[in-house]
Protein backbone atom coordinates (compact mmCIF):
# COMPACT_ATOMS: atom_id res chain seq x y z
CA MET A 1 -7.42 -14.60 -19.23
CA LYS A 2 -5.68 -18.03 -18.72
CA PHE A 3 -5.13 -18.44 -15.01
CA LEU A 4 -2.29 -20.83 -13.58
CA ARG A 5 -4.65 -22.37 -11.04
CA SER A 6 -3.85 -25.73 -9.44
CA LYS A 7 -4.69 -27.51 -6.21
CA LEU A 8 -1.33 -26.37 -5.02
CA THR A 9 -1.61 -22.71 -5.80
CA LYS A 10 -3.51 -21.74 -2.45
CA PRO A 11 -1.40 -23.89 -0.03
CA ALA A 12 1.89 -22.46 -1.80
CA ILE A 13 0.77 -18.80 -1.09
CA PHE A 14 -0.07 -19.80 2.57
CA PHE A 15 3.36 -21.40 2.79
CA PHE A 16 4.98 -18.37 1.24
CA PHE A 17 3.15 -16.57 4.00
CA LEU A 18 4.38 -18.86 6.62
CA THR A 19 8.02 -18.60 5.58
CA SER A 20 7.81 -14.82 6.06
CA LEU A 21 7.06 -15.49 9.84
CA VAL A 22 10.24 -17.50 10.31
CA ILE A 23 12.40 -15.63 13.00
CA PRO A 24 15.43 -16.34 15.09
CA PRO A 25 14.68 -19.23 17.53
CA LEU A 26 12.93 -17.82 20.80
CA LEU A 27 15.57 -19.43 23.13
CA GLY A 28 18.16 -17.95 25.37
CA ASP A 29 18.38 -15.90 28.45
CA PRO A 30 15.19 -13.41 27.94
CA ASP A 31 17.33 -10.72 29.93
CA SER A 32 20.11 -10.73 27.48
CA LEU A 33 20.63 -8.04 24.69
CA SER A 34 19.85 -10.44 22.04
CA ALA A 35 16.35 -11.32 23.30
CA GLN A 36 15.67 -7.65 23.87
CA ILE A 37 16.47 -6.64 20.15
CA LEU A 38 14.19 -9.80 19.10
CA PHE A 39 11.32 -8.52 21.05
CA ASP A 40 11.74 -4.94 20.92
CA ILE A 41 12.92 -4.52 17.13
CA ARG A 42 12.91 -7.72 15.12
CA ILE A 43 9.48 -9.08 15.78
CA PRO A 44 7.48 -5.79 15.77
CA ARG A 45 9.54 -4.97 12.51
CA ILE A 46 8.20 -8.25 10.81
CA LEU A 47 4.74 -7.64 11.95
CA PHE A 48 4.58 -3.97 10.76
CA SER A 49 6.01 -5.31 7.43
CA LEU A 50 3.36 -7.81 7.07
CA MET A 51 0.53 -5.55 7.71
CA THR A 52 2.04 -2.72 5.69
CA GLY A 53 2.37 -5.06 2.60
CA ALA A 54 -0.97 -6.65 3.44
CA CYS A 55 -2.57 -3.37 3.35
CA LEU A 56 -0.92 -1.98 0.16
CA ALA A 57 -1.87 -5.17 -1.69
CA LEU A 58 -5.52 -5.04 -0.46
CA ILE A 59 -6.15 -1.49 -1.31
CA GLY A 60 -4.56 -1.89 -4.61
CA ALA A 61 -6.66 -4.69 -5.37
CA VAL A 62 -9.77 -2.44 -4.30
CA PHE A 63 -8.88 0.42 -6.36
CA GLN A 64 -8.36 -1.78 -9.20
CA GLY A 65 -11.60 -3.45 -8.83
CA LEU A 66 -13.34 -0.27 -8.42
CA LEU A 67 -12.03 1.11 -11.61
CA ARG A 68 -11.71 -2.09 -13.54
CA ASN A 69 -8.19 -1.35 -14.33
CA ASP A 70 -5.01 -3.22 -13.74
CA LEU A 71 -2.87 0.02 -13.35
CA ALA A 72 -5.05 1.42 -10.71
CA THR A 73 -3.36 1.66 -7.46
CA PRO A 74 -2.66 4.30 -4.58
CA TYR A 75 0.79 4.77 -6.08
CA THR A 76 -0.23 5.48 -9.72
CA LEU A 77 -3.46 7.44 -8.72
CA GLY A 78 -1.38 9.89 -6.56
CA VAL A 79 -2.81 8.77 -3.11
CA SER A 80 0.68 7.88 -1.98
CA SER A 81 2.15 11.06 -3.50
CA GLY A 82 -0.55 13.35 -1.68
CA GLY A 83 0.26 11.43 1.69
CA ALA A 84 3.91 11.90 1.22
CA LEU A 85 3.23 15.74 0.48
CA GLY A 86 1.31 16.09 3.75
CA ALA A 87 3.95 14.41 5.69
CA VAL A 88 6.81 16.51 4.38
CA ILE A 89 4.82 19.74 5.22
CA ALA A 90 4.29 18.56 8.85
CA ILE A 91 8.08 17.68 9.05
CA LYS A 92 8.97 21.11 7.72
CA LEU A 93 6.60 22.55 10.40
CA GLY A 94 8.38 20.72 12.83
CA LEU A 95 5.13 18.99 14.08
CA VAL A 96 5.99 16.13 16.24
CA LEU A 97 3.16 15.54 18.56
CA GLN A 98 2.14 11.87 18.95
CA ILE A 99 -0.40 9.99 20.90
CA ALA A 100 -0.79 6.07 20.65
CA GLY A 101 0.44 5.73 17.19
CA PHE A 102 -1.10 8.63 15.94
CA SER A 103 0.65 12.02 15.35
CA LEU A 104 0.26 15.37 13.41
CA ILE A 105 2.44 14.00 10.66
CA THR A 106 -0.34 11.16 10.45
CA LEU A 107 -3.19 13.84 10.14
CA PHE A 108 -1.20 15.77 7.46
CA SER A 109 -0.49 12.77 5.54
CA ILE A 110 -4.16 11.48 5.45
CA SER A 111 -5.31 14.95 4.47
CA GLY A 112 -2.95 14.69 1.67
CA SER A 113 -4.13 11.24 0.59
CA LEU A 114 -7.78 12.59 0.77
CA LEU A 115 -6.98 15.65 -1.23
CA SER A 116 -5.62 13.29 -3.90
CA ILE A 117 -9.06 11.33 -4.03
CA LEU A 118 -10.80 14.65 -4.29
CA ILE A 119 -8.86 15.57 -7.36
CA ILE A 120 -9.42 12.23 -8.88
CA TYR A 121 -13.15 12.53 -8.42
CA ILE A 122 -13.11 15.90 -10.00
CA ILE A 123 -11.14 14.31 -12.92
CA ALA A 124 -13.62 11.55 -13.13
CA GLY A 125 -16.69 14.04 -13.06
CA ARG A 126 -15.02 15.83 -15.93
CA ARG A 127 -14.52 12.73 -17.95
CA GLY A 128 -18.00 11.48 -17.23
CA GLY A 129 -17.10 8.40 -15.10
CA PHE A 130 -14.39 6.27 -13.43
CA SER A 131 -12.93 4.38 -16.34
CA GLY A 132 -10.34 4.61 -19.00
CA TYR A 133 -6.70 5.41 -19.54
CA GLY A 134 -7.26 9.06 -19.13
CA LEU A 135 -7.89 8.58 -15.28
CA ILE A 136 -4.65 6.72 -14.84
CA LEU A 137 -2.76 9.45 -16.51
CA GLY A 138 -4.83 11.97 -14.43
CA GLY A 139 -3.45 10.17 -11.33
CA VAL A 140 -0.12 10.30 -12.73
CA ALA A 141 -0.19 14.12 -13.34
CA VAL A 142 -1.55 14.56 -9.49
CA SER A 143 1.50 12.46 -8.58
CA LEU A 144 3.95 14.42 -10.59
CA SER A 145 2.62 17.56 -9.22
CA PHE A 146 2.44 16.53 -5.48
CA SER A 147 5.98 15.40 -6.03
CA ALA A 148 7.24 18.63 -7.55
CA ILE A 149 5.94 20.59 -4.44
CA THR A 150 7.43 18.01 -2.12
CA MET A 151 10.84 18.67 -3.99
CA PHE A 152 10.33 22.23 -3.52
CA ILE A 153 9.73 21.94 0.38
CA HIS A 154 13.03 19.73 0.49
CA TYR A 155 14.57 22.82 -1.10
CA LEU A 156 13.39 25.22 1.60
CA ALA A 157 14.05 22.90 4.38
CA ASP A 158 17.50 22.84 6.64
CA PHE A 159 19.91 20.33 6.50
CA THR A 160 18.41 18.15 9.42
CA GLN A 161 14.88 18.19 8.08
CA THR A 162 16.12 17.47 4.56
CA TYR A 163 17.94 14.45 5.67
CA ARG A 164 14.88 13.15 7.33
CA MET A 165 12.61 13.94 4.35
CA VAL A 166 15.03 12.24 2.03
CA HIS A 167 15.54 9.10 4.08
CA TRP A 168 11.66 8.68 4.98
CA MET A 169 10.73 9.33 1.11
CA MET A 170 12.66 6.32 0.19
CA GLY A 171 10.45 3.93 2.37
CA SER A 172 11.53 2.49 5.62
CA LEU A 173 10.07 -0.09 7.73
CA ALA A 174 12.66 0.49 10.62
CA ILE A 175 10.18 0.94 13.59
CA ARG A 176 11.02 0.33 17.19
CA GLY A 177 8.36 -1.02 19.79
CA TRP A 178 4.90 -2.52 19.45
CA ILE A 179 2.67 0.42 19.09
CA TYR A 180 2.52 1.01 15.17
CA PRO A 181 2.43 -2.90 14.59
CA VAL A 182 -0.58 -3.36 17.04
CA VAL A 183 -2.46 -0.16 15.52
CA LEU A 184 -1.88 -1.27 12.11
CA SER A 185 -2.96 -4.73 12.72
CA VAL A 186 -6.38 -3.40 13.92
CA ILE A 187 -6.44 -1.31 10.90
CA THR A 188 -5.86 -4.12 8.62
CA LEU A 189 -8.32 -6.44 10.12
CA ALA A 190 -10.99 -3.82 10.25
CA VAL A 191 -10.55 -2.86 6.35
CA PHE A 192 -10.38 -6.54 5.64
CA ILE A 193 -13.74 -7.25 7.26
CA TYR A 194 -15.41 -4.23 5.50
CA PHE A 195 -14.11 -5.12 1.76
CA GLN A 196 -14.71 -8.85 2.38
CA TYR A 197 -18.44 -7.80 3.45
CA HIS A 198 -18.97 -6.23 0.04
CA VAL A 199 -17.04 -9.04 -1.95
CA LYS A 200 -20.28 -9.68 -3.96
CA ALA A 201 -20.65 -6.21 -5.00
CA PHE A 202 -17.07 -6.09 -6.16
CA ASN A 203 -17.66 -9.15 -8.06
CA ILE A 204 -20.86 -7.79 -9.90
CA LEU A 205 -18.88 -4.63 -10.55
CA LEU A 206 -16.71 -6.69 -12.87
CA ALA A 207 -19.37 -6.61 -15.31
CA GLY A 208 -19.54 -3.02 -15.56
CA LYS A 209 -21.44 -0.12 -13.40
CA GLU A 210 -24.62 -0.39 -15.37
CA PHE A 211 -24.98 -4.10 -14.69
CA ALA A 212 -24.13 -3.65 -11.12
CA VAL A 213 -26.70 -1.08 -10.53
CA SER A 214 -29.18 -3.06 -12.32
CA LYS A 215 -28.40 -5.67 -9.89
CA GLY A 216 -29.00 -3.39 -6.96
CA VAL A 217 -25.66 -2.51 -6.19
CA ALA A 218 -25.01 1.11 -4.72
CA VAL A 219 -21.93 1.60 -6.96
CA ASP A 220 -21.25 5.18 -6.09
CA LYS A 221 -21.60 4.72 -2.51
CA LEU A 222 -19.33 1.65 -2.62
CA ARG A 223 -16.77 3.79 -4.51
CA SER A 224 -16.95 6.78 -2.45
CA ALA A 225 -16.66 4.61 0.75
CA SER A 226 -13.91 2.57 -0.43
CA PHE A 227 -11.73 5.43 -1.76
CA ILE A 228 -12.15 7.17 1.49
CA LEU A 229 -11.27 4.15 3.50
CA GLY A 230 -8.30 3.23 1.42
CA SER A 231 -6.91 6.94 1.38
CA LEU A 232 -7.17 6.74 5.23
CA VAL A 233 -5.07 3.74 5.37
CA ILE A 234 -2.72 4.66 2.87
CA GLY A 235 -2.27 7.99 4.49
CA TYR A 236 -1.29 6.26 7.87
CA ILE A 237 1.09 3.91 6.19
CA VAL A 238 2.78 6.76 4.37
CA SER A 239 3.04 8.76 7.45
CA ILE A 240 5.27 6.11 9.35
CA ALA A 241 6.67 4.11 6.41
CA GLY A 242 6.89 6.68 3.54
CA PRO A 243 5.70 5.98 0.15
CA ILE A 244 6.54 2.40 -0.78
CA GLY A 245 5.41 1.97 -4.31
CA PHE A 246 4.21 -0.88 -6.68
CA VAL A 247 3.21 -3.58 -3.97
CA GLY A 248 -0.40 -2.67 -4.81
CA LEU A 249 0.34 -3.16 -8.45
CA VAL A 250 2.20 -6.39 -8.46
CA ILE A 251 0.58 -8.48 -5.82
CA PRO A 252 -2.97 -8.22 -6.94
CA HIS A 253 -2.01 -8.95 -10.61
CA ILE A 254 -0.15 -12.00 -9.54
CA ILE A 255 -3.04 -13.30 -7.60
CA ARG A 256 -5.48 -12.91 -10.34
CA LEU A 257 -3.21 -14.58 -12.46
CA LEU A 258 -3.01 -17.43 -10.06
CA LEU A 259 -6.57 -17.56 -8.58
CA GLY A 260 -8.59 -15.55 -11.07
CA PRO A 261 -10.61 -12.29 -10.62
CA ASP A 262 -13.08 -13.76 -7.78
CA HIS A 263 -12.68 -11.07 -5.10
CA LYS A 264 -13.59 -13.53 -2.64
CA SER A 265 -10.21 -15.09 -2.95
CA LEU A 266 -8.61 -12.12 -4.26
CA PHE A 267 -8.56 -9.87 -1.23
CA PRO A 268 -7.32 -12.66 1.70
CA TYR A 269 -4.65 -14.10 -0.69
CA CYS A 270 -3.65 -10.36 -1.50
CA ILE A 271 -3.27 -9.90 2.15
CA LEU A 272 -1.10 -13.16 2.57
CA MET A 273 1.14 -12.54 -0.27
CA GLY A 274 1.25 -8.77 0.03
CA GLY A 275 2.32 -9.03 3.63
CA ALA A 276 4.87 -12.01 3.02
CA PHE A 277 6.24 -10.17 -0.19
CA LEU A 278 7.13 -6.98 1.82
CA VAL A 279 8.63 -8.97 4.56
CA TRP A 280 11.11 -10.55 2.20
CA CYS A 281 11.85 -7.43 0.50
CA ASP A 282 12.81 -5.60 3.77
CA THR A 283 14.88 -8.68 4.74
CA LEU A 284 16.62 -8.43 1.42
CA ALA A 285 17.13 -4.76 1.76
CA ARG A 286 18.74 -5.16 4.95
CA LEU A 287 21.17 -7.66 3.68
CA ILE A 288 22.20 -6.31 0.43
CA ILE A 289 24.63 -3.81 1.63
CA TYR A 290 24.92 -5.10 5.31
CA PRO A 291 25.82 -3.66 8.05
CA ALA A 292 24.21 -0.55 6.19
CA GLU A 293 20.51 -0.93 5.19
CA LEU A 294 18.79 -0.28 1.80
CA PRO A 295 15.55 1.53 2.04
CA VAL A 296 12.87 -1.00 1.15
CA GLY A 297 11.00 1.53 -1.05
CA ILE A 298 14.07 1.46 -3.61
CA LEU A 299 13.91 -2.31 -3.76
CA THR A 300 9.95 -2.63 -4.38
CA SER A 301 10.30 0.04 -7.08
CA LEU A 302 13.16 -1.97 -8.78
CA ILE A 303 10.75 -4.92 -8.89
CA GLY A 304 7.47 -2.78 -9.62
CA GLY A 305 8.98 -0.46 -12.34
CA PRO A 306 9.72 -3.29 -14.89
CA PHE A 307 6.27 -4.99 -13.68
CA PHE A 308 4.47 -1.59 -14.66
CA ILE A 309 6.05 -1.50 -18.03
CA PHE A 310 5.34 -5.17 -18.79
CA LEU A 311 1.69 -4.29 -18.27
CA LEU A 312 1.56 -1.45 -20.56
CA ILE A 313 3.54 -3.62 -23.16
CA LYS A 314 1.31 -6.46 -23.04
CA GLY A 315 -1.16 -4.62 -25.00
CA LYS A 316 -4.22 -5.23 -22.63
CA LYS A 317 -7.23 -2.95 -22.82
CA LEU A 318 -7.09 -0.53 -19.96
């Protein structure tokens, strides 16, 4: 694969990240309404968008590395759909208890994501390993099945619940306050440290499971821990922002194209570009039909869908 690497590539990615942090000048009366909106809504939303995009891109890169497949993401493997199903069930049951950034919806969403991974493990066991096009198709089948159940629950819900479900399913980063951005920032830092610590094992795994095992890498343990950790993170994000698709597909592929497959660079730059990408998508979503707001999940899908088709047409061995 030919990489588009240059001396300016990494600075350009970092600059792209910095531009996503540009906010209205922090000037004026701190007691004014504009200052209140800035500090209570805009800055927390930007931080939450950054961390959400960073996690989605990072987990996408991790799943692709584990399965050695460019199409392996939480979205295509059904992890996001599982989280969405769990959250919709919680909404239908009227479970609204929330403590310090975590709620019963979060618990149900994480459970749905873990169920998806369990099914993927069962499929992999039947197929004799974590590789091949069939596993991706299995993930798509899981996603479609969970989506069908989700639609059935929509049908059974009352008008108020249905409106909330539909709006949430489109993906939204419209949060208020600092609790979610702070919690997700801590989660992002923790998962990045974990995966960066195992970056050597991910690089060795690029040569195949047999080679990695011969080099002393505990492949099964690494896969299990990474899938579970990734599912926990995706479940948490889905419970708040809804299923935002294709960030974990587009960003890792772009970073590989720019910097190569070395996970030592792939993971941190996925975080930078993923965060910046989602911030700009959210900003554009707020401006396209102003004063109304377009759900950000629609915009990421409009970008990611054609990209997904491009990867399929490219004819690369999957």
